[in-house]
Protein backbone atom coordinates (compact mmCIF):
# COMPACT_ATOMS: atom_id res chain seq x y z
CA UNK A 1 -0.05 0.13 0.07
CA UNK A 2 1.39 3.44 -0.91
CA UNK A 3 0.19 6.57 0.44
CA UNK A 4 -0.87 9.33 -2.04
CA UNK A 5 0.41 12.72 -0.56
CA UNK A 6 -2.09 14.50 -2.92
CA UNK A 7 -4.94 12.75 -1.17
CA UNK A 8 -3.75 14.05 2.11
CA UNK A 9 -3.69 17.62 0.87
CA UNK A 10 -7.42 17.19 -0.18
CA UNK A 11 -8.56 16.09 3.09
CA UNK A 12 -11.06 18.41 4.80
CA UNK A 13 -9.96 20.58 7.59
CA UNK A 14 -11.91 20.07 10.78
CA UNK A 15 -15.09 22.15 11.04
CA UNK A 16 -14.89 25.38 13.07
CA UNK A 17 -17.12 25.69 15.89
CA UNK A 18 -20.10 27.80 15.31
CA UNK A 19 -19.23 30.38 17.90
CA UNK A 20 -15.71 31.14 16.69
CA UNK A 21 -16.63 33.55 13.88
CA UNK A 22 -18.96 35.33 16.38
CA UNK A 23 -16.39 35.72 18.94
CA UNK A 24 -13.99 37.16 16.51
CA UNK A 25 -16.48 39.51 15.15
CA UNK A 26 -17.34 40.68 18.64
CA UNK A 27 -13.79 41.17 19.53
CA UNK A 28 -13.06 43.33 16.46
CA UNK A 29 -16.18 45.41 17.05
CA UNK A 30 -15.46 45.72 20.80
CA UNK A 31 -11.79 46.66 20.14
CA UNK A 32 -12.48 49.03 17.45
CA UNK A 33 -15.15 50.96 19.33
CA UNK A 34 -13.24 50.93 22.41
CA UNK A 35 -10.07 52.36 20.57
CA UNK A 36 -11.97 55.03 19.08
CA UNK A 37 -13.72 56.28 22.37
CA UNK A 38 -10.44 55.73 24.50
CA UNK A 39 -8.41 57.84 21.97
CA UNK A 40 -10.83 60.78 21.94
CA UNK A 41 -10.92 60.70 25.77
CA UNK A 42 -7.10 60.66 25.78
CA UNK A 43 -6.64 63.67 23.55
CA UNK A 44 -9.11 65.37 25.71
CA UNK A 45 -7.42 64.39 28.89
CA UNK A 46 -4.06 65.38 27.65
CA UNK A 47 -5.27 68.84 26.33
CA UNK A 48 -7.16 69.73 29.57
CA UNK A 49 -4.24 68.50 31.73
CA UNK A 50 -1.75 70.77 29.78
CA UNK A 51 -3.96 73.64 30.21
CA UNK A 52 -4.72 73.20 33.81
CA UNK A 53 -1.46 71.64 35.05
CA UNK A 54 1.25 72.44 32.56
CA UNK A 55 3.79 70.09 31.12
CA UNK A 56 3.90 67.69 33.99
CA UNK A 57 0.08 67.46 33.82
CA UNK A 58 0.34 66.71 29.98
CA UNK A 59 3.01 63.91 30.71
CA UNK A 60 0.97 62.43 33.32
CA UNK A 61 -2.21 62.39 31.07
CA UNK A 62 0.05 60.89 28.20
CA UNK A 63 1.43 58.14 30.57
CA UNK A 64 -1.98 57.38 32.08
CA UNK A 65 -3.75 57.10 28.63
CA UNK A 66 -1.10 54.79 27.26
CA UNK A 67 -1.24 52.61 30.22
CA UNK A 68 -5.08 52.54 30.28
CA UNK A 69 -5.21 51.77 26.53
CA UNK A 70 -2.68 49.01 26.54
CA UNK A 71 -4.48 47.44 29.54
CA UNK A 72 -7.68 47.91 27.96
CA UNK A 73 -6.90 45.96 24.94
CA UNK A 74 -6.12 42.90 26.91
CA UNK A 75 -9.77 41.37 27.25
CA UNK A 76 -10.43 41.78 23.25
CA UNK A 77 -6.95 40.19 22.68
CA UNK A 78 -7.67 37.31 25.09
CA UNK A 79 -11.03 36.88 23.34
CA UNK A 80 -9.41 36.50 20.11
CA UNK A 81 -6.75 34.14 21.42
CA UNK A 82 -9.50 31.87 23.06
CA UNK A 83 -11.88 31.94 20.22
CA UNK A 84 -11.44 28.29 19.32
CA UNK A 85 -12.12 27.27 22.95
CA UNK A 86 -15.72 26.69 24.19
CA UNK A 87 -17.89 29.82 24.76
CA UNK A 88 -17.66 29.35 28.58
CA UNK A 89 -13.92 29.22 28.30
CA UNK A 90 -13.83 32.45 26.31
CA UNK A 91 -16.13 34.11 28.93
CA UNK A 92 -13.92 32.91 31.66
CA UNK A 93 -10.81 34.08 30.03
CA UNK A 94 -12.14 37.60 29.11
CA UNK A 95 -13.55 38.18 32.73
CA UNK A 96 -10.26 37.11 34.19
CA UNK A 97 -8.44 39.51 31.84
CA UNK A 98 -10.73 42.01 32.87
CA UNK A 99 -10.26 41.55 36.66
CA UNK A 100 -6.40 41.23 35.97
CA UNK A 101 -5.98 44.56 34.04
CA UNK A 102 -7.84 46.38 36.87
CA UNK A 103 -5.41 44.91 39.43
CA UNK A 104 -2.49 45.85 37.34
CA UNK A 105 -3.77 49.51 36.94
CA UNK A 106 -4.22 49.77 40.60
CA UNK A 107 -0.57 48.57 41.07
CA UNK A 108 0.66 51.15 38.60
CA UNK A 109 -1.49 53.90 40.43
CA UNK A 110 0.00 52.83 43.77
CA UNK A 111 3.83 52.32 42.37
CA UNK A 112 3.92 55.61 40.74
CA UNK A 113 2.00 57.62 43.61
CA UNK A 114 4.74 59.68 44.58
CA UNK A 115 6.55 60.03 41.45
CA UNK A 116 7.88 63.48 40.51
CA UNK A 117 8.17 62.68 36.76
CA UNK A 118 4.78 63.89 36.00
CA UNK A 119 1.53 65.17 37.82
CA UNK A 120 0.12 62.40 39.81
CA UNK A 121 -3.61 63.78 39.78
CA UNK A 122 -3.61 64.01 36.09
CA UNK A 123 -2.11 60.49 35.67
CA UNK A 124 -4.69 58.97 38.07
CA UNK A 125 -7.62 60.82 36.50
CA UNK A 126 -6.89 60.15 33.01
CA UNK A 127 -6.27 56.31 33.69
CA UNK A 128 -9.76 56.22 35.27
CA UNK A 129 -11.36 58.33 32.43
CA UNK A 130 -9.61 56.39 29.57
CA UNK A 131 -10.33 52.84 31.29
CA UNK A 132 -14.09 53.89 31.74
CA UNK A 133 -14.08 55.22 28.01
CA UNK A 134 -12.64 51.79 26.97
CA UNK A 135 -15.25 49.90 28.65
CA UNK A 136 -18.06 51.98 27.41
CA UNK A 137 -16.51 51.52 23.92
CA UNK A 138 -16.55 47.77 24.33
CA UNK A 139 -20.09 47.72 25.49
CA UNK A 140 -21.20 49.84 22.69
CA UNK A 141 -19.24 47.54 20.15
CA UNK A 142 -21.02 44.49 21.68
CA UNK A 143 -24.31 45.96 21.48
CA UNK A 144 -23.90 47.30 17.76
CA UNK A 145 -23.10 43.88 16.57
CA UNK A 146 -26.56 42.68 17.69
CA UNK A 147 -25.32 39.35 18.24
CA UNK A 148 -27.85 37.10 20.28
CA UNK A 149 -26.17 35.84 23.32
CA UNK A 150 -28.61 33.29 24.37
CA UNK A 151 -29.36 30.37 22.08
CA UNK A 152 -32.78 28.66 22.61
C-alpha cells in the first residue's frame, strides 16, 4: 500500500465551532469602538491636563492614557486568542483578563503615586477616564453587533 500525498492535501479541515466567527466579530467590534472612544478621551485628557497643570500634567495624562489603553486592549486580545475554545472558556478568560487589568492598573497607580516625573492627579484621573471610556466602547461595540447571546 502506498500513500498518496495529494490525497492528504485534499482532506477536509476540521469544522470550526459555530461560535468562533461570532467571538472574533465581537472582539473586532468591541476593540474598534473602545479604541475610538479611548483615543478621543485621551486627547481631551491631555489637552485639559496641559492647560490646567502645564507640562507635568500633560506628561501624566499621556502616560496614564497609554497605560490604560494597553491594559484595555487585553480583554479583546484574550477573546481573539481563546476564540477556538468553548464559549464558557472564552467568557472566563475575558473576565479574568478584565479583573487582571484592573489589578495591574491599581498597582501602577500605587507604584507611581509619589513620582515627580509627572503630575500624579492627571495621571490617575486620565487612567480612570480612559479605562471607563474603553469599557463603554467595548459595550457599545458589543451592542452594535446585535449578536444574540442566548441560544434557545
